[in-house]
Amino acid sequence: MSILVVMIPLAILLLLGAGAAFFWAVEHHQFDDLDTPRLLPLLDDPAPRAPQRPDPPGSQTAPDAADAPAAPAAPGVQTAGARAAPQPQPPA
């Protein structure tokens, strides 16, 4: 019988905690949209993007276009400032 002295107040505290959690959830709009979460796994994911992190202070910025290596040109195309390679002569 003496266990009831512990169990009844414990049950009342548990009831008050559950009631407080329920009213907090209602007040913070946790029960507003019950349909969308079950549809989210069926939707296509957007294309993944690389995370953008800010540069730390004092770090170098991205190199200028003049410092970057040039991409190779297509065969037979002469780029500005480049000398044309000699073309092989067909045998006569």
Foldseek 3Di string as FASTA:
>chain_A
DVVCVVVVVVVVVVVVVVVVVVVVCVVVCVPVDPDPVVCVVVDDDPDDDDDDDDDDPPDDDDDDPVPDDDDDDDPPDDDPPDDDDDDDDDDD
